[in-house]
């Protein structure tokens, strides 16, 4: 199983905008009940670094590019970065309910 990982440090003045956009995206994911993905976004303790973890099931085409709220977030992110993000594949070594029963914070 492969998991896309994104670690991004944002400019402090854009953190609230990014959080709001992420929440809109996750609300849209839930509204559309997208299948075949597991996705989490976490703001780290420094308050400006975010970690995203995305798993797309084998044989499933990533549905996120077709979601307007996701596209809006992805289009705006480059202007919010304080430095280039670290993006790449990861291999799941272990997980306890992280990707199966996660509920979006409201």
Protein backbone atom coordinates (compact mmCIF):
# COMPACT_ATOMS: atom_id res chain seq x y z
CA UNK A 1 0.00 0.00 0.00
CA UNK A 2 1.34 3.41 -0.96
CA UNK A 3 0.53 6.65 0.79
CA UNK A 4 1.28 10.08 -0.67
CA UNK A 5 2.82 12.30 2.00
CA UNK A 6 2.98 16.07 1.90
CA UNK A 7 4.75 18.16 4.52
CA UNK A 8 4.34 21.87 3.92
CA UNK A 9 5.35 24.92 5.90
CA UNK A 10 3.04 27.86 5.25
CA UNK A 11 3.47 31.58 5.68
CA UNK A 12 1.92 32.44 9.03
CA UNK A 13 -0.46 34.97 7.47
CA UNK A 14 -2.00 32.20 5.32
CA UNK A 15 -2.55 29.52 7.98
CA UNK A 16 -6.17 30.52 8.68
CA UNK A 17 -6.95 30.61 4.94
CA UNK A 18 -5.39 27.17 4.49
CA UNK A 19 -7.28 25.68 7.43
CA UNK A 20 -10.57 27.05 6.11
CA UNK A 21 -9.86 25.67 2.62
CA UNK A 22 -8.91 22.26 4.02
CA UNK A 23 -12.12 22.14 6.06
CA UNK A 24 -14.18 23.05 2.97
CA UNK A 25 -12.44 20.30 1.01
CA UNK A 26 -13.07 17.66 3.67
CA UNK A 27 -16.71 18.76 3.98
CA UNK A 28 -17.03 18.31 0.20
CA UNK A 29 -15.35 14.89 0.38
CA UNK A 30 -17.89 13.84 3.01
CA UNK A 31 -20.81 15.43 1.13
CA UNK A 32 -19.86 13.58 -2.07
CA UNK A 33 -19.05 10.42 -0.10
CA UNK A 34 -15.93 9.84 -2.18
CA UNK A 35 -14.88 6.21 -2.34
CA UNK A 36 -11.45 4.70 -2.80
CA UNK A 37 -9.46 7.26 -0.80
CA UNK A 38 -8.38 7.79 2.75
CA UNK A 39 -7.12 11.25 3.54
CA UNK A 40 -5.97 13.15 6.60
CA UNK A 41 -4.52 16.60 7.18
CA UNK A 42 -2.75 17.54 10.40
CA UNK A 43 -1.41 20.89 11.58
CA UNK A 44 1.80 20.36 13.52
CA UNK A 45 2.73 21.93 16.84
CA UNK A 46 4.63 24.84 15.29
CA UNK A 47 1.29 26.10 13.94
CA UNK A 48 2.52 26.63 10.37
CA UNK A 49 3.49 23.15 9.18
CA UNK A 50 0.89 20.79 7.79
CA UNK A 51 1.16 17.10 7.11
CA UNK A 52 -1.14 15.47 4.56
CA UNK A 53 -1.53 11.73 4.09
CA UNK A 54 -3.47 10.39 1.12
CA UNK A 55 -4.08 6.78 0.19
CA UNK A 56 -5.80 5.98 -3.09
CA UNK A 57 -6.88 2.36 -3.28
CA UNK A 58 -5.26 0.19 -5.93
CA UNK A 59 -7.21 0.33 -9.18
CA UNK A 60 -9.04 3.54 -8.22
CA UNK A 61 -8.49 6.84 -9.99
CA UNK A 62 -7.96 9.68 -7.53
CA UNK A 63 -11.31 11.53 -7.40
CA UNK A 64 -9.92 14.68 -5.75
CA UNK A 65 -8.95 16.58 -8.93
CA UNK A 66 -12.63 16.54 -9.94
CA UNK A 67 -13.74 18.11 -6.67
CA UNK A 68 -13.95 21.92 -6.97
CA UNK A 69 -13.06 22.47 -3.30
CA UNK A 70 -9.93 20.32 -3.62
CA UNK A 71 -8.93 22.06 -6.84
CA UNK A 72 -9.37 25.46 -5.16
CA UNK A 73 -7.10 24.39 -2.29
CA UNK A 74 -4.45 22.95 -4.61
CA UNK A 75 -4.52 26.07 -6.80
CA UNK A 76 -4.02 28.40 -3.83
CA UNK A 77 -1.36 26.41 -1.95
CA UNK A 78 1.68 27.57 -3.94
CA UNK A 79 1.09 31.17 -2.86
CA UNK A 80 0.77 30.11 0.77
CA UNK A 81 4.01 28.11 1.02
CA UNK A 82 6.84 29.56 3.12
CA UNK A 83 9.18 27.07 1.46
CA UNK A 84 8.83 24.29 -1.11
CA UNK A 85 6.80 21.36 0.25
CA UNK A 86 8.23 17.90 0.75
CA UNK A 87 6.03 15.61 -1.36
CA UNK A 88 6.51 11.94 -2.06
CA UNK A 89 5.30 8.41 -1.70
CA UNK A 90 5.42 6.61 1.59
CA UNK A 91 4.87 2.99 2.49
CA UNK A 92 2.44 2.23 5.28
CA UNK A 93 4.27 0.33 7.99
CA UNK A 94 1.46 0.29 10.52
CA UNK A 95 -1.79 2.03 11.31
CA UNK A 96 -4.42 1.77 14.00
CA UNK A 97 -7.76 3.11 12.74
CA UNK A 98 -6.09 6.15 11.22
CA UNK A 99 -7.54 5.57 7.78
CA UNK A 100 -10.63 3.51 8.48
CA UNK A 101 -12.83 5.45 10.90
CA UNK A 102 -11.47 9.00 10.89
CA UNK A 103 -14.02 11.76 11.36
CA UNK A 104 -13.38 15.28 10.14
CA UNK A 105 -13.19 17.86 12.90
CA UNK A 106 -16.02 20.34 12.56
